[in-house]
C-alpha atoms as a PDB file:
ATOM      1  CA  HIS A   1      -3.782 -23.506  12.152  1.00  0.00           C
ATOM      2  CA  GLY A   2      -3.066 -21.561  15.301  1.00  0.00           C
ATOM      3  CA  ALA A   3      -3.692 -18.048  14.005  1.00  0.00           C
ATOM      4  CA  THR A   4      -5.839 -15.768  16.116  1.00  0.00           C
ATOM      5  CA  GLY A   5      -9.323 -14.892  14.921  1.00  0.00           C
ATOM      6  CA  LYS A   6      -8.407 -11.205  14.979  1.00  0.00           C
ATOM      7  CA  GLY A   7      -5.409 -11.186  12.675  1.00  0.00           C
ATOM      8  CA  ASN A   8      -4.351 -11.384   9.041  1.00  0.00           C
ATOM      9  CA  ASP A   9      -2.583 -14.748   9.214  1.00  0.00           C
ATOM     10  CA  GLN A  10      -5.836 -16.709   9.368  1.00  0.00           C
ATOM     11  CA  VAL A  11      -6.871 -15.085   6.087  1.00  0.00           C
ATOM     12  CA  ARG A  12      -3.514 -15.824   4.444  1.00  0.00           C
ATOM     13  CA  PHE A  13      -3.481 -19.474   5.498  1.00  0.00           C
ATOM     14  CA  GLU A  14      -7.027 -20.112   4.388  1.00  0.00           C
ATOM     15  CA  LEU A  15      -6.886 -18.226   1.090  1.00  0.00           C
ATOM     16  CA  ALA A  16      -3.750 -20.205   0.226  1.00  0.00           C
ATOM     17  CA  ALA A  17      -5.526 -23.433   1.128  1.00  0.00           C
ATOM     18  CA  ALA A  18      -8.531 -22.417  -0.963  1.00  0.00           C
ATOM     19  CA  ALA A  19      -6.291 -21.829  -3.986  1.00  0.00           C
ATOM     20  CA  LEU A  20      -4.154 -24.968  -3.637  1.00  0.00           C
ATOM     21  CA  ALA A  21      -6.477 -27.480  -1.960  1.00  0.00           C
ATOM     22  CA  PRO A  22     -10.057 -26.202  -2.217  1.00  0.00           C
ATOM     23  CA  ASP A  23     -11.540 -29.317  -0.597  1.00  0.00           C
ATOM     24  CA  LEU A  24      -9.321 -29.085   2.484  1.00  0.00           C
ATOM     25  CA  GLN A  25     -11.148 -28.580   5.769  1.00  0.00           C
ATOM     26  CA  VAL A  26      -9.717 -25.808   7.930  1.00  0.00           C
ATOM     27  CA  ILE A  27      -9.583 -26.187  11.704  1.00  0.00           C
ATOM     28  CA  ALA A  28      -8.994 -22.874  13.489  1.00  0.00           C
ATOM     29  CA  PRO A  29      -9.143 -23.350  17.294  1.00  0.00           C
ATOM     30  CA  TRP A  30      -9.150 -19.619  18.041  1.00  0.00           C
ATOM     31  CA  ARG A  31     -12.495 -19.380  16.252  1.00  0.00           C
ATOM     32  CA  ILE A  32     -14.013 -22.140  18.397  1.00  0.00           C
ATOM     33  CA  GLU A  33     -15.850 -20.691  21.399  1.00  0.00           C
ATOM     34  CA  ALA A  34     -15.081 -23.617  23.731  1.00  0.00           C
ATOM     35  CA  TYR A  35     -11.360 -23.163  23.067  1.00  0.00           C
ATOM     36  CA  ARG A  36     -11.532 -19.423  23.742  1.00  0.00           C
ATOM     37  CA  ASN A  37     -13.396 -20.062  26.982  1.00  0.00           C
ATOM     38  CA  GLU A  38     -10.544 -22.266  28.201  1.00  0.00           C
ATOM     39  CA  PHE A  39      -7.795 -19.991  26.870  1.00  0.00           C
ATOM     40  CA  PRO A  40      -9.179 -16.445  26.816  1.00  0.00           C
ATOM     41  CA  GLY A  41      -5.730 -14.892  26.619  1.00  0.00           C
ATOM     42  CA  ARG A  42      -1.959 -15.278  26.616  1.00  0.00           C
ATOM     43  CA  ALA A  43      -1.669 -15.545  30.393  1.00  0.00           C
ATOM     44  CA  GLU A  44      -3.798 -18.697  30.445  1.00  0.00           C
ATOM     45  CA  MET A  45      -1.850 -20.250  27.582  1.00  0.00           C
ATOM     46  CA  ILE A  46       1.511 -19.486  29.196  1.00  0.00           C
ATOM     47  CA  ALA A  47       0.280 -21.014  32.464  1.00  0.00           C
ATOM     48  CA  TYR A  48      -0.908 -24.133  30.619  1.00  0.00           C
ATOM     49  CA  CYS A  49       2.477 -24.565  28.938  1.00  0.00           C
ATOM     50  CA  ALA A  50       4.290 -24.149  32.256  1.00  0.00           C
ATOM     51  CA  LYS A  51       2.010 -26.670  33.973  1.00  0.00           C
ATOM     52  CA  HIS A  52       2.531 -29.283  31.265  1.00  0.00           C
ATOM     53  CA  LYS A  53       6.256 -28.520  30.822  1.00  0.00           C
ATOM     54  CA  ILE A  54       5.837 -27.340  27.231  1.00  0.00           C
ATOM     55  CA  ASN A  55       8.904 -25.276  26.342  1.00  0.00           C
ATOM     56  CA  VAL A  56       7.935 -21.946  24.761  1.00  0.00           C
ATOM     57  CA  GLN A  57       9.799 -18.635  24.583  1.00  0.00           C
ATOM     58  CA  ALA A  58       6.834 -16.598  25.799  1.00  0.00           C
ATOM     59  CA  SER A  59       6.611 -16.039  29.542  1.00  0.00           C
ATOM     60  CA  ALA A  60       4.989 -13.758  32.088  1.00  0.00           C
ATOM     61  CA  LYS A  61       8.115 -11.589  31.871  1.00  0.00           C
ATOM     62  CA  LYS A  62       7.974 -11.546  28.052  1.00  0.00           C
ATOM     63  CA  PRO A  63       4.258 -11.091  27.384  1.00  0.00           C
ATOM     64  CA  TYR A  64       4.313 -10.653  23.619  1.00  0.00           C
ATOM     65  CA  SER A  65       4.060 -12.903  20.584  1.00  0.00           C
ATOM     66  CA  MET A  66       6.931 -13.603  18.212  1.00  0.00           C
ATOM     67  CA  ASP A  67       6.674 -14.973  14.672  1.00  0.00           C
ATOM     68  CA  ARG A  68       9.891 -15.737  12.816  1.00  0.00           C
ATOM     69  CA  ASN A  69      10.940 -16.724   9.322  1.00  0.00           C
ATOM     70  CA  LEU A  70      14.001 -16.242   7.140  1.00  0.00           C
ATOM     71  CA  LEU A  71      13.095 -12.666   6.224  1.00  0.00           C
ATOM     72  CA  HIS A  72      12.030 -11.217   9.548  1.00  0.00           C
ATOM     73  CA  ILE A  73      10.756 -11.505  13.103  1.00  0.00           C
ATOM     74  CA  SER A  74       7.538  -9.789  14.149  1.00  0.00           C
ATOM     75  CA  TYR A  75       6.648  -8.951  17.746  1.00  0.00           C
ATOM     76  CA  GLU A  76       3.068  -8.154  18.707  1.00  0.00           C
ATOM     77  CA  ALA A  77       0.526  -8.240  21.542  1.00  0.00           C
ATOM     78  CA  GLY A  78       1.076  -8.048  25.283  1.00  0.00           C
ATOM     79  CA  ILE A  79       3.033  -4.983  26.353  1.00  0.00           C
ATOM     80  CA  LEU A  80       3.342  -3.898  22.710  1.00  0.00           C
ATOM     81  CA  GLU A  81      -0.389  -3.202  22.493  1.00  0.00           C
ATOM     82  CA  ASP A  82       0.356   0.161  24.122  1.00  0.00           C
ATOM     83  CA  PRO A  83       1.513   2.361  21.198  1.00  0.00           C
ATOM     84  CA  TRP A  84       3.182   4.757  23.661  1.00  0.00           C
ATOM     85  CA  LEU A  85       5.549   2.050  24.924  1.00  0.00           C
ATOM     86  CA  ASP A  86       9.078   2.468  23.580  1.00  0.00           C
ATOM     87  CA  ALA A  87       9.952  -0.937  22.138  1.00  0.00           C
ATOM     88  CA  PHE A  88      13.558   0.146  21.638  1.00  0.00           C
ATOM     89  CA  ALA A  89      14.114   1.303  25.219  1.00  0.00           C
ATOM     90  CA  PRO A  90      17.100  -0.297  27.006  1.00  0.00           C
ATOM     91  CA  ASN A  91      14.859  -2.435  29.219  1.00  0.00           C
ATOM     92  CA  ASN A  92      13.398  -4.104  26.091  1.00  0.00           C
ATOM     93  CA  LYS A  93      16.711  -5.081  24.490  1.00  0.00           C
ATOM     94  CA  ASP A  94      16.241  -8.740  25.388  1.00  0.00           C
ATOM     95  CA  MET A  95      13.193  -8.922  23.128  1.00  0.00           C
ATOM     96  CA  PHE A  96      15.208  -8.742  19.917  1.00  0.00           C
ATOM     97  CA  ARG A  97      16.747 -11.830  18.337  1.00  0.00           C
ATOM     98  CA  LEU A  98      18.275 -10.751  15.010  1.00  0.00           C
ATOM     99  CA  SER A  99      19.846  -7.374  15.710  1.00  0.00           C
ATOM    100  CA  VAL A 100      21.669  -5.326  18.303  1.00  0.00           C
ATOM    101  CA  ALA A 101      20.461  -1.878  19.274  1.00  0.00           C
ATOM    102  CA  PRO A 102      22.023   0.745  16.968  1.00  0.00           C
ATOM    103  CA  GLU A 103      23.696   2.425  19.934  1.00  0.00           C
ATOM    104  CA  ASP A 104      25.369  -0.903  20.788  1.00  0.00           C
ATOM    105  CA  ALA A 105      26.550  -1.548  17.220  1.00  0.00           C
ATOM    106  CA  PRO A 106      30.265  -1.296  16.318  1.00  0.00           C
ATOM    107  CA  ASP A 107      31.782   2.183  16.281  1.00  0.00           C
ATOM    108  CA  ARG A 108      33.433   1.458  12.923  1.00  0.00           C
ATOM    109  CA  PRO A 109      31.330   1.181   9.741  1.00  0.00           C
ATOM    110  CA  GLU A 110      31.447  -1.915   7.565  1.00  0.00           C
ATOM    111  CA  HIS A 111      31.098  -2.074   3.784  1.00  0.00           C
ATOM    112  CA  VAL A 112      29.299  -4.843   1.936  1.00  0.00           C
ATOM    113  CA  GLU A 113      28.987  -5.362  -1.830  1.00  0.00           C
ATOM    114  CA  LEU A 114      25.895  -6.939  -3.380  1.00  0.00           C
ATOM    115  CA  GLU A 115      25.936  -8.226  -6.955  1.00  0.00           C
ATOM    116  CA  PHE A 116      22.667  -8.391  -8.894  1.00  0.00           C
ATOM    117  CA  LYS A 117      21.683 -10.399 -11.948  1.00  0.00           C
ATOM    118  CA  ARG A 118      18.275  -9.686 -13.497  1.00  0.00           C
ATOM    119  CA  GLY A 119      17.234  -8.042 -10.242  1.00  0.00           C
ATOM    120  CA  ASP A 120      18.240 -10.944  -7.993  1.00  0.00           C
ATOM    121  CA  CYS A 121      21.158 -10.765  -5.568  1.00  0.00           C
ATOM    122  CA  VAL A 122      23.543 -13.562  -6.558  1.00  0.00           C
ATOM    123  CA  ALA A 123      26.688 -12.663  -4.599  1.00  0.00           C
ATOM    124  CA  VAL A 124      27.789 -10.868  -1.445  1.00  0.00           C
ATOM    125  CA  ASN A 125      31.339  -9.522  -1.240  1.00  0.00           C
ATOM    126  CA  SER A 126      32.186 -11.362  -4.495  1.00  0.00           C
ATOM    127  CA  GLN A 127      31.086 -14.706  -3.025  1.00  0.00           C
ATOM    128  CA  LYS A 128      28.440 -16.480  -5.109  1.00  0.00           C
ATOM    129  CA  LEU A 129      25.540 -17.501  -2.872  1.00  0.00           C
ATOM    130  CA  THR A 130      22.129 -19.155  -3.098  1.00  0.00           C
ATOM    131  CA  PRO A 131      19.094 -17.035  -2.138  1.00  0.00           C
ATOM    132  CA  LEU A 132      19.036 -18.793   1.241  1.00  0.00           C
ATOM    133  CA  GLU A 133      22.708 -18.034   1.812  1.00  0.00           C
ATOM    134  CA  VAL A 134      22.231 -14.410   0.727  1.00  0.00           C
ATOM    135  CA  MET A 135      19.565 -13.859   3.368  1.00  0.00           C
ATOM    136  CA  ARG A 136      21.556 -15.567   6.097  1.00  0.00           C
ATOM    137  CA  LYS A 137      24.655 -13.538   5.245  1.00  0.00           C
ATOM    138  CA  LEU A 138      22.820 -10.222   5.116  1.00  0.00           C
ATOM    139  CA  ASN A 139      20.855 -10.975   8.290  1.00  0.00           C
ATOM    140  CA  ALA A 140      24.128 -11.513  10.127  1.00  0.00           C
ATOM    141  CA  LEU A 141      25.758  -8.366   8.720  1.00  0.00           C
ATOM    142  CA  GLY A 142      22.716  -6.161   9.211  1.00  0.00           C
ATOM    143  CA  GLY A 143      21.987  -7.501  12.672  1.00  0.00           C
ATOM    144  CA  LYS A 144      25.557  -6.825  13.748  1.00  0.00           C
ATOM    145  CA  HIS A 145      25.107  -3.144  12.854  1.00  0.00           C
ATOM    146  CA  GLY A 146      21.565  -2.660  14.180  1.00  0.00           C
ATOM    147  CA  VAL A 147      19.968  -2.391  10.743  1.00  0.00           C
ATOM    148  CA  GLY A 148      16.321  -3.111   9.983  1.00  0.00           C
ATOM    149  CA  ARG A 149      14.309  -2.391  13.125  1.00  0.00           C
ATOM    150  CA  VAL A 150      10.802  -1.029  12.525  1.00  0.00           C
ATOM    151  CA  ASP A 151       7.945  -0.040  14.842  1.00  0.00           C
ATOM    152  CA  MET A 152       4.666   0.622  13.058  1.00  0.00           C
ATOM    153  CA  VAL A 153       0.899   0.735  13.389  1.00  0.00           C
ATOM    154  CA  GLU A 154      -0.656  -1.103  10.455  1.00  0.00           C
ATOM    155  CA  ASN A 155      -4.137  -1.531   9.026  1.00  0.00           C
ATOM    156  CA  ARG A 156      -5.180  -5.160   9.169  1.00  0.00           C
ATOM    157  CA  PHE A 157      -7.298  -6.670   6.413  1.00  0.00           C
ATOM    158  CA  VAL A 158      -9.940  -7.588   9.003  1.00  0.00           C
ATOM    159  CA  GLY A 159     -10.505  -3.901   9.744  1.00  0.00           C
ATOM    160  CA  MET A 160      -8.614  -2.992  12.913  1.00  0.00           C
ATOM    161  CA  LYS A 161      -5.325  -1.228  13.468  1.00  0.00           C
ATOM    162  CA  SER A 162      -2.505  -3.130  15.166  1.00  0.00           C
ATOM    163  CA  ARG A 163       0.933  -2.218  16.441  1.00  0.00           C
ATOM    164  CA  GLY A 164       3.868  -4.393  15.429  1.00  0.00           C
ATOM    165  CA  VAL A 165       7.627  -4.284  15.940  1.00  0.00           C
ATOM    166  CA  TYR A 166       9.806  -5.922  13.302  1.00  0.00           C
ATOM    167  CA  GLU A 167      13.381  -6.975  12.670  1.00  0.00           C
ATOM    168  CA  THR A 168      14.417  -7.506   9.063  1.00  0.00           C
ATOM    169  CA  PRO A 169      18.133  -6.699   8.776  1.00  0.00           C
ATOM    170  CA  GLY A 170      18.856  -8.715   5.637  1.00  0.00           C
ATOM    171  CA  GLY A 171      15.703  -7.620   3.856  1.00  0.00           C
ATOM    172  CA  THR A 172      16.437  -3.968   4.605  1.00  0.00           C
ATOM    173  CA  ILE A 173      19.918  -4.179   3.086  1.00  0.00           C
ATOM    174  CA  LEU A 174      18.624  -6.105   0.077  1.00  0.00           C
ATOM    175  CA  GLN A 175      15.818  -3.654  -0.660  1.00  0.00           C
ATOM    176  CA  PHE A 176      18.124  -0.644  -0.276  1.00  0.00           C
ATOM    177  CA  ALA A 177      20.810  -2.073  -2.567  1.00  0.00           C
ATOM    178  CA  HIS A 178      18.253  -3.243  -5.125  1.00  0.00           C
ATOM    179  CA  ARG A 179      16.826   0.264  -5.380  1.00  0.00           C
ATOM    180  CA  GLN A 180      20.309   1.639  -5.932  1.00  0.00           C
ATOM    181  CA  ILE A 181      21.134  -0.695  -8.824  1.00  0.00           C
ATOM    182  CA  GLU A 182      17.720  -0.010 -10.357  1.00  0.00           C
ATOM    183  CA  SER A 183      18.504   3.713 -10.304  1.00  0.00           C
ATOM    184  CA  LEU A 184      21.325   3.013 -12.764  1.00  0.00           C
ATOM    185  CA  THR A 185      19.688   0.425 -14.984  1.00  0.00           C
ATOM    186  CA  MET A 186      15.912   0.978 -15.191  1.00  0.00           C
ATOM    187  CA  ASP A 187      14.201   3.273 -17.661  1.00  0.00           C
ATOM    188  CA  ARG A 188      12.570   6.245 -15.941  1.00  0.00           C
ATOM    189  CA  ASP A 189       8.973   5.691 -17.039  1.00  0.00           C
ATOM    190  CA  LEU A 190       9.220   1.930 -16.572  1.00  0.00           C
ATOM    191  CA  MET A 191      10.344   2.534 -12.994  1.00  0.00           C
ATOM    192  CA  HIS A 192       7.497   4.978 -12.402  1.00  0.00           C
ATOM    193  CA  LEU A 193       4.982   2.460 -13.744  1.00  0.00           C
ATOM    194  CA  ARG A 194       6.368  -0.295 -11.528  1.00  0.00           C
ATOM    195  CA  ASP A 195       6.515   1.988  -8.499  1.00  0.00           C
ATOM    196  CA  GLY A 196       2.887   2.931  -8.995  1.00  0.00           C
ATOM    197  CA  LEU A 197       1.934  -0.738  -8.851  1.00  0.00           C
ATOM    198  CA  ILE A 198       3.993  -1.544  -5.743  1.00  0.00           C
ATOM    199  CA  PRO A 199       1.264  -0.528  -3.238  1.00  0.00           C
ATOM    200  CA  ARG A 200      -1.258  -2.728  -5.056  1.00  0.00           C
ATOM    201  CA  TYR A 201       1.165  -5.666  -5.146  1.00  0.00           C
ATOM    202  CA  ALA A 202       2.011  -5.249  -1.463  1.00  0.00           C
ATOM    203  CA  GLU A 203      -1.685  -5.080  -0.603  1.00  0.00           C
ATOM    204  CA  MET A 204      -2.363  -8.334  -2.466  1.00  0.00           C
ATOM    205  CA  VAL A 205       0.381 -10.170  -0.607  1.00  0.00           C
ATOM    206  CA  TYR A 206      -0.457  -8.595   2.759  1.00  0.00           C
ATOM    207  CA  ASN A 207      -4.106  -9.563   2.419  1.00  0.00           C
ATOM    208  CA  GLY A 208      -3.317 -13.162   1.470  1.00  0.00           C
ATOM    209  CA  PHE A 209      -3.849 -13.205  -2.294  1.00  0.00           C
ATOM    210  CA  TRP A 210      -0.438 -14.647  -3.185  1.00  0.00           C
ATOM    211  CA  PHE A 211      -1.985 -17.377  -5.329  1.00  0.00           C
ATOM    212  CA  ALA A 212      -4.556 -15.088  -6.970  1.00  0.00           C
ATOM    213  CA  PRO A 213      -4.434 -14.579 -10.758  1.00  0.00           C
ATOM    214  CA  GLU A 214      -4.009 -10.806 -10.446  1.00  0.00           C
ATOM    215  CA  ARG A 215      -0.883 -11.274  -8.303  1.00  0.00           C
ATOM    216  CA  ARG A 216       0.597 -13.698 -10.839  1.00  0.00           C
ATOM    217  CA  ALA A 217      -0.119 -11.288 -13.689  1.00  0.00           C
ATOM    218  CA  LEU A 218       1.474  -8.390 -11.850  1.00  0.00           C
ATOM    219  CA  GLN A 219       4.459 -10.578 -10.975  1.00  0.00           C
ATOM    220  CA  ALA A 220       5.048 -11.252 -14.669  1.00  0.00           C
ATOM    221  CA  LEU A 221       5.194  -7.515 -15.342  1.00  0.00           C
ATOM    222  CA  ILE A 222       7.564  -6.910 -12.424  1.00  0.00           C
ATOM    223  CA  ASP A 223       9.817  -9.773 -13.523  1.00  0.00           C
ATOM    224  CA  ASP A 224      10.035  -8.221 -16.987  1.00  0.00           C
ATOM    225  CA  THR A 225      11.158  -4.902 -15.495  1.00  0.00           C
ATOM    226  CA  GLN A 226      14.180  -6.674 -14.002  1.00  0.00           C
ATOM    227  CA  LYS A 227      15.648  -8.180 -17.180  1.00  0.00           C
ATOM    228  CA  ASN A 228      18.321  -5.459 -17.471  1.00  0.00           C
ATOM    229  CA  VAL A 229      19.027  -5.000 -13.759  1.00  0.00           C
ATOM    230  CA  PHE A 230      22.658  -6.123 -13.511  1.00  0.00           C
ATOM    231  CA  GLY A 231      25.474  -4.711 -11.417  1.00  0.00           C
ATOM    232  CA  THR A 232      27.080  -4.256  -8.022  1.00  0.00           C
ATOM    233  CA  VAL A 233      26.230  -1.925  -5.154  1.00  0.00           C
ATOM    234  CA  ARG A 234      28.524  -1.074  -2.250  1.00  0.00           C
ATOM    235  CA  VAL A 235      26.664  -0.285   0.983  1.00  0.00           C
ATOM    236  CA  LYS A 236      28.045   1.154   4.216  1.00  0.00           C
ATOM    237  CA  LEU A 237      26.482  -0.182   7.414  1.00  0.00           C
ATOM    238  CA  TYR A 238      26.771   2.002  10.489  1.00  0.00           C
ATOM    239  CA  LYS A 239      24.731   2.073  13.701  1.00  0.00           C
ATOM    240  CA  GLY A 240      21.379   1.232  12.147  1.00  0.00           C
ATOM    241  CA  GLY A 241      21.950   3.291   9.012  1.00  0.00           C
ATOM    242  CA  LEU A 242      22.500   2.345   5.369  1.00  0.00           C
ATOM    243  CA  TYR A 243      24.538   4.536   3.030  1.00  0.00           C
ATOM    244  CA  VAL A 244      25.326   3.920  -0.625  1.00  0.00           C
ATOM    245  CA  ALA A 245      29.089   3.892  -1.168  1.00  0.00           C
ATOM    246  CA  GLY A 246      29.208   3.062  -4.876  1.00  0.00           C
ATOM    247  CA  ARG A 247      27.324   1.448  -7.757  1.00  0.00           C
ATOM    248  CA  LYS A 248      28.366   0.068 -11.136  1.00  0.00           C
ATOM    249  CA  SER A 249      26.675  -1.844 -13.939  1.00  0.00           C
ATOM    250  CA  ARG A 250      27.411  -3.083 -17.443  1.00  0.00           C
ATOM    251  CA  THR A 251      23.797  -2.208 -18.334  1.00  0.00           C
ATOM    252  CA  SER A 252      23.892   1.255 -16.781  1.00  0.00           C
ATOM    253  CA  LEU A 253      21.778   3.925 -18.490  1.00  0.00           C
ATOM    254  CA  TYR A 254      23.747   6.634 -16.723  1.00  0.00           C
ATOM    255  CA  ASN A 255      26.129   8.323 -19.163  1.00  0.00           C
ATOM    256  CA  PRO A 256      28.533  10.717 -17.422  1.00  0.00           C
ATOM    257  CA  GLN A 257      29.430  12.343 -20.759  1.00  0.00           C
ATOM    258  CA  ILE A 258      25.801  13.345 -21.265  1.00  0.00           C
ATOM    259  CA  ALA A 259      25.152  14.192 -17.603  1.00  0.00           C
ATOM    260  CA  THR A 260      28.290  16.316 -17.222  1.00  0.00           C
ATOM    261  CA  MET A 261      27.922  19.997 -16.415  1.00  0.00           C
ATOM    262  CA  ASP A 262      30.837  20.624 -18.776  1.00  0.00           C
ATOM    263  CA  ALA A 263      30.741  20.425 -22.580  1.00  0.00           C
ATOM    264  CA  ASP A 264      29.004  17.269 -23.845  1.00  0.00           C
ATOM    265  CA  PRO A 265      31.409  15.483 -26.218  1.00  0.00           C
ATOM    266  CA  THR A 266      28.580  13.247 -27.490  1.00  0.00           C
ATOM    267  CA  LYS A 267      26.383  16.228 -28.481  1.00  0.00           C
ATOM    268  CA  ALA A 268      23.398  14.064 -27.481  1.00  0.00           C
ATOM    269  CA  TYR A 269      21.852  16.924 -25.510  1.00  0.00           C
ATOM    270  CA  ASN A 270      21.532  20.445 -26.883  1.00  0.00           C
ATOM    271  CA  GLN A 271      20.836  22.883 -24.072  1.00  0.00           C
ATOM    272  CA  ASP A 272      19.082  25.215 -26.505  1.00  0.00           C
ATOM    273  CA  ASP A 273      16.327  22.595 -26.843  1.00  0.00           C
ATOM    274  CA  ALA A 274      15.371  23.163 -23.197  1.00  0.00           C
ATOM    275  CA  THR A 275      13.810  26.529 -24.098  1.00  0.00           C
ATOM    276  CA  GLY A 276      11.051  25.008 -26.220  1.00  0.00           C
ATOM    277  CA  PHE A 277      10.649  22.077 -23.828  1.00  0.00           C
ATOM    278  CA  ILE A 278      10.018  24.410 -20.909  1.00  0.00           C
ATOM    279  CA  ARG A 279       7.770  26.713 -22.966  1.00  0.00           C
ATOM    280  CA  LEU A 280       5.470  23.836 -23.954  1.00  0.00           C
ATOM    281  CA  ASN A 281       5.280  22.469 -20.421  1.00  0.00           C
ATOM    282  CA  ALA A 282       4.559  25.933 -19.049  1.00  0.00           C
ATOM    283  CA  LEU A 283       1.695  26.604 -21.485  1.00  0.00           C
ATOM    284  CA  ARG A 284      -1.120  25.180 -19.344  1.00  0.00           C
ATOM    285  CA  LEU A 285       0.223  26.972 -16.265  1.00  0.00           C
ATOM    286  CA  LYS A 286       0.253  30.315 -18.086  1.00  0.00           C
ATOM    287  CA  VAL A 287      -3.277  29.797 -19.419  1.00  0.00           C
ATOM    288  CA  ALA A 288      -4.561  28.888 -15.951  1.00  0.00           C
ATOM    289  CA  ALA A 289      -2.807  31.868 -14.374  1.00  0.00           C
ATOM    290  CA  LYS A 290      -4.442  34.265 -16.838  1.00  0.00           C
ATOM    291  CA  VAL A 291      -7.909  32.716 -16.484  1.00  0.00           C
ATOM    292  CA  HIS A 292      -7.902  32.540 -12.694  1.00  0.00           C
ATOM    293  CA  GLY A 293      -6.157  35.851 -12.358  1.00  0.00           C
ATOM    294  CA  GLN A 294      -9.003  37.525 -14.278  1.00  0.00           C
ATOM    295  CA  ALA A 295     -11.801  35.669 -12.420  1.00  0.00           C
END
């Protein structure tokens, strides 16, 4: 593989190979000293490609790396190694491939509806789509409105900090809408449990343990939390921003008759019960206040 010896990708590639093909020999040129002596940096590699007429997008005028897949594009290295550099400045607009700058996005907002079935988006604007088609559709819509640009300094698994700039328009819309439909359909404590495990799950994937048994076990739990996540979310896209413009679900746990500030026709909630509820929850605070107040 062509991953640098300083990054996370080398770990991800090789841990995946270890899990799926443990006898496979890995060849990593960036970890071979003779290779690094010939190509100590990006300038030498760009010059080599130019000399041998190898067509690459990197150039002396665009001295940064770009990795792209269906979900996102990441930009790193070169001029981006300076964390003070404004990646979103007008003179850097040509760097981006998936999205326009928010200030260049349309002056009129656009609404998009996402339909979910067991937590998965299955339709956009009432059109049934495959997962591949969903991402392509949302990438186009989000990119048009400048959605999903991120500049961050992250903590690599190998120990160093690195600065990266990302475009993920479709993923940003999908995550936002998914959270909205979950807010209607997921039990409170189940959501809190899942949310508490999200950092651990993200860390596993980030560090390359996709095929590890603990990731599979956690995936099974997360999949189970999605069995009642059905419904549709309407999202407004406007100049880099996302705004919820409506949500509905046949499995919604939100009951407006119970939540109303007016009289509850269901009589499911007796406001008098709140007195004892608050008194019991306040007990430890009162005890602590008396003890510490006397100390």
